[in-house]
Protein backbone atom coordinates (compact mmCIF):
# COMPACT_ATOMS: atom_id res chain seq x y z
CA MET A 1 -0.03 -0.04 0.11
CA SER A 2 1.48 3.24 -1.02
CA VAL A 3 1.23 5.82 1.66
CA SER A 4 2.91 9.29 1.89
CA LYS A 5 2.81 11.75 4.72
CA ALA A 6 3.02 15.55 4.46
CA LYS A 7 6.08 17.32 5.74
CA ALA A 8 5.75 20.34 8.03
CA PHE A 9 7.65 22.38 10.57
CA THR A 10 7.02 20.27 13.58
CA VAL A 11 6.60 21.61 17.34
CA VAL A 12 6.37 18.94 20.18
CA VAL A 13 5.07 19.79 23.41
CA ALA A 14 6.80 17.66 25.91
CA GLY A 15 7.45 17.20 29.70
CA ARG A 16 6.66 15.11 32.67
CA PRO A 17 3.01 14.15 33.52
CA ASN A 18 0.56 16.63 34.72
CA VAL A 19 2.38 19.95 34.02
CA GLY A 20 -0.45 21.28 31.62
CA LYS A 21 0.81 20.08 28.29
CA SER A 22 -2.56 19.18 26.93
CA ALA A 23 -3.96 22.68 28.04
CA LEU A 24 -0.97 24.46 26.23
CA PHE A 25 -1.69 22.27 23.13
CA ASN A 26 -5.34 23.16 23.28
CA ARG A 27 -4.38 26.86 23.57
CA LEU A 28 -1.88 26.92 20.70
CA ILE A 29 -4.42 25.36 18.27
CA ARG A 30 -7.17 27.53 19.68
CA ARG A 31 -9.65 24.77 20.45
CA ARG A 32 -10.29 21.79 22.89
CA ARG A 33 -8.71 18.96 21.16
CA SER A 34 -6.57 17.20 23.87
CA ILE A 35 -8.41 15.87 27.00
CA VAL A 36 -7.40 17.96 30.04
CA HIS A 37 -7.93 16.56 33.45
CA ASP A 38 -6.35 16.84 36.99
CA LEU A 39 -5.33 13.19 36.96
CA PRO A 40 -1.73 12.67 35.67
CA GLY A 41 -1.24 10.35 32.60
CA MET A 42 -4.36 11.36 30.65
CA THR A 43 -2.51 11.76 27.31
CA ARG A 44 -0.96 8.37 26.34
CA ASP A 45 -0.63 8.50 22.60
CA VAL A 46 0.79 11.17 20.36
CA LEU A 47 -1.83 13.71 19.12
CA GLU A 48 -1.08 15.91 16.00
CA GLU A 49 -2.77 19.03 14.77
CA GLU A 50 -2.26 21.67 12.07
CA ALA A 51 -1.86 24.95 13.89
CA GLU A 52 -1.93 28.34 12.24
CA LEU A 53 -0.35 31.74 12.97
CA PRO A 54 -2.08 35.05 12.64
CA ASP A 55 -0.25 35.66 9.39
CA GLY A 56 -1.52 32.37 7.72
CA ARG A 57 1.60 30.13 8.06
CA THR A 58 0.92 26.95 9.50
CA PHE A 59 2.96 24.21 11.59
CA ARG A 60 2.49 20.85 12.84
CA LEU A 61 1.84 20.74 16.57
CA VAL A 62 2.31 17.34 18.62
CA ASP A 63 1.21 16.66 22.15
CA THR A 64 2.87 13.95 23.92
CA GLY A 65 2.27 11.74 26.99
CA GLY A 66 4.01 12.62 30.19
CA TYR A 67 7.70 11.66 30.03
CA ASP A 68 7.89 9.64 33.41
CA PRO A 69 11.48 8.24 33.81
CA GLU A 70 10.26 6.08 36.77
CA GLY A 71 7.60 4.31 35.11
CA LYS A 72 8.31 0.56 34.88
CA GLU A 73 4.99 -0.85 33.70
CA HIS A 74 4.13 -1.47 30.07
CA ILE A 75 1.89 1.60 29.49
CA PRO A 76 4.06 4.21 31.08
CA ARG A 77 7.11 2.84 29.41
CA GLU A 78 5.25 2.99 26.04
CA VAL A 79 4.34 6.41 26.63
CA ARG A 80 7.74 7.58 27.54
CA ASP A 81 9.28 5.85 24.52
CA ARG A 82 6.89 7.46 22.10
CA ALA A 83 7.36 10.88 23.73
CA ALA A 84 11.11 10.53 23.13
CA ALA A 85 10.51 9.40 19.55
CA ALA A 86 8.51 12.47 18.91
CA ILE A 87 11.09 14.66 20.37
CA ARG A 88 13.81 13.14 18.08
CA ASN A 89 11.58 14.01 15.10
CA ALA A 90 10.82 17.47 16.11
CA ASP A 91 12.06 20.86 14.67
CA LEU A 92 11.31 22.62 17.93
CA VAL A 93 10.65 21.15 21.40
CA LEU A 94 8.29 23.02 23.80
CA LEU A 95 9.54 21.61 26.98
CA THR A 96 6.77 22.34 29.42
CA ILE A 97 7.24 22.41 33.13
CA ASP A 98 4.95 23.15 36.19
CA ALA A 99 6.40 26.41 37.48
CA SER A 100 4.42 26.25 40.76
CA ALA A 101 6.24 22.81 41.66
CA GLY A 102 9.60 24.01 40.72
CA ILE A 103 12.17 21.77 38.83
CA LEU A 104 11.72 18.17 39.43
CA PRO A 105 13.85 15.04 38.41
CA GLY A 106 11.27 14.37 35.58
CA ASP A 107 11.74 17.78 34.22
CA ARG A 108 15.44 17.28 33.96
CA ALA A 109 15.08 13.95 32.40
CA ALA A 110 12.71 15.32 29.63
CA ALA A 111 15.28 18.08 29.16
CA ARG A 112 18.18 15.67 28.89
CA ILE A 113 16.24 13.74 26.25
CA ALA A 114 15.68 16.90 24.16
CA ARG A 115 19.41 17.81 24.49
CA GLN A 116 20.70 14.45 23.41
CA ALA A 117 18.37 14.58 20.39
CA GLY A 118 19.97 17.84 19.32
CA VAL A 119 16.69 19.63 18.84
CA GLU A 120 16.27 23.24 19.44
CA THR A 121 14.32 23.68 22.76
CA VAL A 122 12.39 26.51 24.55
CA VAL A 123 10.95 26.17 27.95
CA ALA A 124 7.33 26.87 28.81
CA ALA A 125 7.10 27.51 32.46
CA ASN A 126 3.25 26.76 33.00
CA LYS A 127 0.94 27.75 35.96
CA ILE A 128 2.60 31.04 36.68
CA ASP A 129 -0.89 32.40 37.77
CA ARG A 130 -0.38 30.43 41.00
CA ARG A 131 1.45 31.87 43.94
CA GLU A 132 4.49 29.82 43.59
CA GLY A 133 4.75 30.15 39.92
CA SER A 134 6.86 33.30 39.64
CA GLU A 135 9.66 31.56 41.55
CA GLY A 136 9.42 28.36 39.36
CA GLU A 137 9.75 30.65 36.36
CA VAL A 138 13.04 31.68 37.42
CA GLU A 139 14.21 28.28 38.35
CA ALA A 140 13.35 27.04 34.81
CA TRP A 141 16.54 28.76 33.50
CA ALA A 142 18.57 26.14 35.48
CA LEU A 143 17.60 23.71 32.80
CA GLY A 144 20.13 25.44 30.48
CA PHE A 145 17.95 26.54 27.48
CA ASN A 146 18.27 29.95 25.99
CA GLU A 147 14.57 30.87 26.12
CA VAL A 148 11.88 30.51 29.01
CA PHE A 149 8.49 31.67 28.66
CA GLY A 150 6.26 32.15 31.69
CA VAL A 151 2.67 30.97 30.78
CA SER A 152 -0.76 30.00 32.13
CA ALA A 153 -2.42 27.63 29.73
CA GLU A 154 -5.51 27.76 31.71
CA HIS A 155 -5.99 31.42 31.43
CA GLY A 156 -4.10 32.11 28.15
CA ILE A 157 -1.30 34.17 29.54
CA GLY A 158 1.86 34.12 27.67
CA VAL A 159 0.53 32.02 24.82
CA GLU A 160 1.14 34.81 22.06
CA GLU A 161 4.60 35.05 23.30
CA ILE A 162 5.03 31.33 22.58
CA LEU A 163 3.53 31.75 19.16
CA ASP A 164 5.87 34.56 18.38
CA ALA A 165 8.94 32.34 19.13
CA ILE A 166 7.45 29.61 16.80
CA ALA A 167 6.81 32.33 14.16
CA VAL A 168 10.48 33.37 14.03
CA ARG A 169 11.69 29.76 13.26
CA LEU A 170 9.20 29.24 10.46
CA PRO A 171 9.95 29.97 6.72
CA PRO A 172 8.68 33.39 5.75
CA LEU A 173 5.58 33.86 3.54
CA PRO A 174 6.57 34.08 -0.15
CA LYS A 175 6.71 37.57 -1.51
CA GLY A 176 4.19 38.58 -4.31
CA ASP A 177 1.34 36.46 -5.67
CA PRO A 178 1.68 32.83 -4.62
CA PRO A 179 2.17 30.43 -7.58
CA PRO A 180 -0.77 28.73 -8.74
CA GLN A 181 -1.45 25.52 -6.94
CA GLU A 182 -3.40 22.27 -8.14
CA ALA A 183 -6.60 21.76 -6.14
CA LYS A 184 -6.12 19.04 -3.62
CA PRO A 185 -8.58 16.44 -3.07
CA ARG A 186 -10.80 17.09 -0.15
CA GLU A 187 -9.41 15.34 2.96
CA ILE A 188 -11.59 12.51 4.37
CA ALA A 189 -11.75 12.38 8.28
CA LEU A 190 -11.94 8.67 9.00
CA ALA A 191 -12.94 7.84 12.75
CA MET A 192 -11.88 4.37 14.02
CA ILE A 193 -14.54 3.59 16.62
CA GLY A 194 -15.86 0.56 18.55
CA ARG A 195 -15.92 -1.13 21.82
CA PRO A 196 -12.71 -1.30 23.86
CA ASN A 197 -9.95 -3.64 22.91
CA VAL A 198 -11.23 -4.54 19.34
CA GLY A 199 -7.89 -3.45 17.73
CA LYS A 200 -8.67 0.10 16.73
CA SER A 201 -5.20 1.32 17.64
CA SER A 202 -3.62 -1.74 15.87
CA LEU A 203 -5.56 -1.20 12.84
CA VAL A 204 -4.49 2.46 12.54
CA ASN A 205 -0.87 1.24 13.07
CA ALA A 206 -1.15 -1.21 10.25
CA LEU A 207 -2.70 1.48 8.03
CA LEU A 208 0.21 3.87 8.69
CA GLY A 209 2.65 1.24 8.54
CA GLU A 210 4.41 2.06 11.83
CA GLU A 211 3.80 1.92 15.52
CA ARG A 212 2.30 5.22 16.06
CA LEU A 213 -0.27 4.33 18.73
CA ILE A 214 0.19 2.32 21.96
CA VAL A 215 -1.36 -1.07 21.67
CA SER A 216 -2.21 -2.99 24.77
CA GLU A 217 -4.56 -5.80 26.02
CA VAL A 218 -5.55 -3.67 28.87
CA ALA A 219 -8.94 -2.34 27.62
CA GLY A 220 -9.22 1.48 27.66
CA THR A 221 -5.55 2.14 26.66
CA THR A 222 -6.63 4.90 24.23
CA ARG A 223 -8.07 7.83 26.04
CA ASP A 224 -7.57 10.69 23.54
CA SER A 225 -8.57 10.73 19.88
CA VAL A 226 -5.49 10.46 17.98
CA ASP A 227 -5.11 12.16 14.35
CA ALA A 228 -2.57 10.95 11.77
CA ARG A 229 -2.61 11.71 8.14
CA LEU A 230 -1.71 9.72 5.08
CA VAL A 231 -2.46 9.62 1.30
CA ARG A 232 -3.59 6.55 -0.67
CA GLY A 233 -3.82 7.13 -4.49
CA GLU A 234 -5.69 10.36 -4.94
CA ALA A 235 -7.47 10.26 -1.58
CA ARG A 236 -6.14 12.09 1.49
CA PHE A 237 -7.16 10.77 4.97
CA ARG A 238 -7.09 11.92 8.43
CA LEU A 239 -7.29 8.88 10.65
CA VAL A 240 -8.86 9.45 14.14
CA ASP A 241 -8.32 6.62 16.53
CA THR A 242 -10.86 7.18 19.32
CA ALA A 243 -11.41 5.71 22.77
CA GLY A 244 -13.46 2.62 23.20
CA ILE A 245 -17.13 3.41 23.83
CA ARG A 246 -18.33 1.31 26.70
CA ARG A 247 -21.97 0.80 28.05
CA LYS A 248 -22.90 3.58 30.57
CA GLY A 249 -22.79 1.11 33.41
CA LYS A 250 -19.28 0.06 32.40
CA THR A 251 -17.75 3.47 32.28
CA GLU A 252 -15.81 4.81 35.31
CA ARG A 253 -16.03 8.23 36.35
CA GLY A 254 -13.48 10.84 35.48
CA PRO A 255 -11.06 9.92 32.51
CA GLU A 256 -13.26 7.24 30.82
CA VAL A 257 -16.34 9.48 30.76
CA LEU A 258 -14.31 12.20 29.27
CA SER A 259 -12.98 9.78 26.70
CA VAL A 260 -16.41 8.61 25.63
CA VAL A 261 -17.56 12.27 25.30
CA GLN A 262 -14.56 12.95 23.18
CA ALA A 263 -15.11 9.83 21.01
CA ARG A 264 -18.70 10.94 20.29
CA LYS A 265 -17.56 14.34 19.61
CA ARG A 266 -15.11 13.16 17.01
CA ILE A 267 -18.02 10.95 15.37
CA GLU A 268 -19.76 14.40 14.91
CA GLU A 269 -16.67 15.83 13.31
CA CYS A 270 -15.78 12.91 10.87
CA ASP A 271 -16.85 12.04 7.26
CA VAL A 272 -16.72 8.45 7.69
CA ALA A 273 -16.53 6.19 10.56
CA ALA A 274 -15.10 2.61 10.52
CA LEU A 275 -16.89 0.54 13.24
CA ILE A 276 -14.35 -2.01 14.36
CA VAL A 277 -16.02 -5.31 15.39
CA ASP A 278 -14.17 -8.21 16.90
CA ALA A 279 -14.71 -10.92 14.44
CA ALA A 280 -13.37 -13.49 16.77
CA SER A 281 -16.00 -12.95 19.53
CA GLY A 282 -18.76 -11.54 17.23
CA ALA A 283 -20.84 -8.53 17.20
CA ALA A 284 -22.53 -7.33 20.50
CA SER A 285 -25.45 -5.04 21.39
CA GLN A 286 -22.90 -2.10 22.29
CA ASP A 287 -21.72 -2.39 18.59
CA ALA A 288 -25.31 -1.59 17.52
CA LYS A 289 -25.29 1.36 20.10
CA VAL A 290 -22.08 2.74 18.56
CA ALA A 291 -23.40 2.24 14.98
CA SER A 292 -26.60 4.11 16.07
CA TYR A 293 -24.41 7.20 17.07
CA VAL A 294 -22.93 7.22 13.52
CA ASN A 295 -26.42 6.99 11.90
CA ASP A 296 -27.92 9.67 13.93
CA ALA A 297 -24.87 12.05 13.07
CA GLY A 298 -25.49 11.35 9.40
CA LYS A 299 -21.96 10.14 8.84
CA GLY A 300 -20.73 7.50 6.46
CA LEU A 301 -20.05 4.01 7.84
CA VAL A 302 -17.67 1.05 7.07
CA LEU A 303 -18.13 -2.02 9.05
CA VAL A 304 -14.84 -3.66 9.80
CA GLY A 305 -14.48 -7.24 11.25
CA ASN A 306 -10.97 -7.12 12.58
CA LYS A 307 -9.06 -10.24 14.09
CA TRP A 308 -10.08 -12.32 11.15
CA ASP A 309 -7.05 -14.40 11.48
CA ILE A 310 -8.41 -15.81 14.76
CA ALA A 311 -12.06 -15.88 13.56
CA GLY A 312 -11.54 -18.48 10.71
CA GLY A 313 -11.15 -16.92 7.27
CA ASP A 314 -12.98 -19.12 4.76
CA THR A 315 -15.92 -18.08 2.61
CA GLY A 316 -18.38 -19.87 4.56
CA GLU A 317 -17.32 -18.41 7.83
CA ALA A 318 -17.36 -15.00 6.21
CA LYS A 319 -21.01 -15.34 5.22
CA LYS A 320 -21.93 -16.41 8.65
CA PHE A 321 -20.39 -13.40 10.35
CA ALA A 322 -21.99 -11.09 7.85
CA ALA A 323 -25.39 -12.46 8.52
CA ALA A 324 -24.79 -12.41 12.34
CA LEU A 325 -23.59 -8.79 12.00
CA GLU A 326 -26.72 -7.87 10.06
CA ASP A 327 -29.06 -9.37 12.63
CA GLU A 328 -27.22 -7.46 15.46
CA ILE A 329 -27.24 -4.14 13.52
CA PRO A 330 -30.19 -4.32 11.01
CA PHE A 331 -30.44 -0.52 10.59
CA VAL A 332 -27.17 -0.17 8.78
CA ARG A 333 -27.59 -2.91 5.98
CA TRP A 334 -26.47 -0.23 3.71
CA ALA A 335 -22.94 -0.28 5.15
CA PRO A 336 -20.05 -2.26 3.40
CA LEU A 337 -18.23 -4.96 5.38
CA VAL A 338 -14.45 -5.39 5.26
CA LEU A 339 -12.79 -8.26 6.85
CA THR A 340 -9.18 -7.49 8.26
CA SER A 341 -6.30 -8.71 10.44
CA ALA A 342 -4.26 -5.92 11.76
CA LYS A 343 -1.75 -8.55 12.97
CA THR A 344 -1.22 -10.00 9.49
CA GLY A 345 -2.15 -7.05 7.30
CA ARG A 346 -4.96 -8.93 5.42
CA GLY A 347 -7.73 -6.62 4.11
CA ILE A 348 -6.04 -3.51 5.50
CA ALA A 349 -5.83 -1.47 2.25
CA LYS A 350 -9.50 -2.36 1.53
CA VAL A 351 -10.56 -0.32 4.51
CA LEU A 352 -9.28 2.97 3.05
CA ASP A 353 -10.64 2.00 -0.35
CA ALA A 354 -14.18 1.43 1.09
CA ALA A 355 -13.92 4.77 3.18
CA ALA A 356 -13.05 6.75 0.09
CA LYS A 357 -16.03 5.40 -1.83
CA VAL A 358 -18.43 5.92 1.11
CA ALA A 359 -17.11 9.69 1.31
CA GLU A 360 -17.95 9.90 -2.35
CA ASN A 361 -21.27 8.42 -1.95
CA ARG A 362 -22.26 11.00 0.81
CA TYR A 363 -21.99 13.79 -1.71
CA ARG A 364 -23.81 11.95 -4.56
CA ARG A 365 -26.80 13.87 -6.15
CA ILE A 366 -29.73 12.73 -8.39
CA SER A 367 -31.44 15.03 -10.69
CA THR A 368 -34.88 16.19 -9.86
CA GLY A 369 -36.08 14.85 -13.21
CA GLU A 370 -34.58 11.32 -12.78
CA LEU A 371 -35.99 11.28 -9.18
CA ASN A 372 -39.55 11.94 -10.32
CA ARG A 373 -39.33 9.45 -13.33
CA VAL A 374 -38.77 6.73 -10.82
CA LEU A 375 -40.07 7.83 -7.55
CA GLY A 376 -43.05 9.85 -8.96
CA ARG A 377 -44.69 6.86 -10.50
CA ALA A 378 -44.25 4.52 -7.68
CA LEU A 379 -45.57 6.98 -4.98
CA ARG A 380 -48.53 7.73 -7.32
CA ASP A 381 -49.37 4.14 -7.66
CA LYS A 382 -49.29 3.42 -4.01
CA ALA A 383 -49.60 6.71 -1.96
CA PRO A 384 -47.32 6.55 1.22
CA ARG A 385 -48.85 6.54 4.58
CA THR A 386 -47.98 8.89 7.43
CA ALA A 387 -47.20 8.04 10.98
CA SER A 388 -50.97 8.49 11.85
CA GLY A 389 -51.84 5.97 9.23
CA LYS A 390 -53.38 8.40 6.75
CA ARG A 391 -52.22 8.55 3.05
CA ILE A 392 -50.82 11.72 1.50
CA LYS A 393 -50.46 12.73 -2.04
CA VAL A 394 -46.89 13.25 -3.44
CA TYR A 395 -46.63 16.00 -6.04
CA TYR A 396 -42.85 15.74 -6.67
CA VAL A 397 -39.54 14.68 -4.98
CA ALA A 398 -36.35 16.67 -4.96
CA GLN A 399 -32.88 16.25 -3.28
CA THR A 400 -32.38 18.89 -0.98
CA GLY A 401 -28.86 18.22 0.66
CA VAL A 402 -25.88 16.00 0.68
CA ALA A 403 -23.62 14.65 3.50
CA PRO A 404 -25.91 12.81 4.25
CA PRO A 405 -28.05 12.71 1.07
CA THR A 406 -31.47 14.28 1.84
CA PHE A 407 -34.60 13.90 -0.09
CA THR A 408 -37.74 15.88 0.30
CA LEU A 409 -41.25 14.78 -0.66
CA VAL A 410 -43.60 17.82 -1.64
CA ALA A 411 -46.98 16.52 -0.57
CA SER A 412 -50.61 17.47 0.12
CA ARG A 413 -49.52 18.21 3.80
CA ALA A 414 -46.52 18.15 5.90
CA GLU A 415 -46.56 15.00 8.14
CA ALA A 416 -43.88 12.53 8.91
CA LEU A 417 -43.94 9.20 6.93
CA HIS A 418 -44.62 5.99 8.74
CA PHE A 419 -41.13 4.28 9.31
CA SER A 420 -41.94 1.50 6.74
CA GLU A 421 -42.84 3.97 4.14
CA SER A 422 -39.52 6.01 4.76
CA ARG A 423 -37.85 2.75 4.27
CA ARG A 424 -39.66 2.00 1.05
CA VAL A 425 -38.67 5.41 -0.30
CA GLU A 426 -35.06 4.98 0.82
CA ASN A 427 -34.74 1.58 -0.91
CA LEU A 428 -36.23 3.16 -4.25
CA VAL A 429 -33.58 5.90 -3.89
CA ARG A 430 -30.80 3.31 -3.33
CA GLU A 431 -31.83 1.24 -6.36
CA MET A 432 -31.33 4.36 -8.54
CA ALA A 433 -27.79 5.43 -7.46
CA ASP A 434 -24.97 4.13 -5.39
CA PHE A 435 -25.34 5.38 -1.70
CA THR A 436 -23.42 2.39 -0.23
CA GLY A 437 -22.18 3.53 3.35
CA SER A 438 -24.19 6.62 3.52
CA PRO A 439 -27.33 7.22 5.55
CA ILE A 440 -30.21 8.69 3.74
CA ARG A 441 -32.69 11.25 5.08
CA ILE A 442 -36.42 11.52 3.94
CA SER A 443 -38.39 14.49 4.80
CA VAL A 444 -41.84 15.66 3.92
CA ARG A 445 -43.15 19.36 3.40
CA GLY A 446 -46.57 20.58 2.20
CA ARG A 447 -46.82 22.59 -0.93
CA SER A 448 -46.55 26.39 -0.50
CA ARG A 449 -49.17 28.74 -1.56
CA GLU A 450 -47.25 29.60 -4.57
CA GLU A 451 -46.76 25.90 -5.61
CA LYS A 452 -50.53 25.29 -5.15
């Protein structure tokens, strides 16, 4: 699979746990992207976003997990290793400390990693709004770097100075009129969603061809939503690995609640969602619940049966799995199914191919003339019933929106259709054009006085 990644000036926010890295990251991109919580260790994976300066120049901003030199267990060690790798690949490190706590061994360890990597580093002494913060800002010079900025990420103090420091290191804007550029294909935001521990992070790593995300058998390892960009053929993707969405009763208070809220928010922001189902254990009622979030949001959907190397693999087993999935989630029969194994690489490329096709289908249009040639006669021959059981006369049908495709029946009165009639109209529309993977909306409005 041919994958290329865009190059950009990269600024990495690094430091020990619970110094306010994620809060500063959110301030620099001017929106709440990374989860912020009083508990240490909330950020585990490496988060990437494109940030923009007031003059229009952009850079790549990376939020890392807390660099904890004492953590011996698997996940803290993985977090530390990925933070160190991000530092080594940076153009500029924004070493963040908690000024109210002073300089601690973890700060010195993170500073040592940046110095050993030979990457230019500036220090953000965070939390200067607290009483002890001013003293900590002075102490920060002892780390040995040439620039120290006192900031309060919580209140936005000093953030503009940080942006100025980044700005002087970026290439200047080209003089005169910019050269004409070829129109780039629209980026497809593809969210990886599903229950905990079904292989979402493993699948993203397989798509990227590198160990970008932490993978663990411990359910709930991913807490933030993690973005990574790639190109396949002419399609540009932004992959979003979200936290596993549990049932309400299974969700702990605090970090996991925030993770689920964040995951649902990312569904709202995406173009297409890939619902990862554990093919070895089969679909569960919670998979249907997660699929309903996608359907309600009007997003494209690809069903992915992961761990197919464990589940079986032959044609007969595939048919059984597809039938079981349709029984469990009957309301998304229009979604394509891809069988994958993140471990062996089987079917990985097909996920992107399916997502690109679904994204295209969400913007498909049918002309009013063609709609009425097909639907007009069918709805005249058998007038649709409304939710109250009465029939309405349909005068004509028009497509009134895309993403998701929306069709409006102009009728004798405005009243919602019975669900079975909505399904009948939807099936007729799907027979006319390829809307695979996209939900369809059907609405009814009464004729206006001018139309009468």
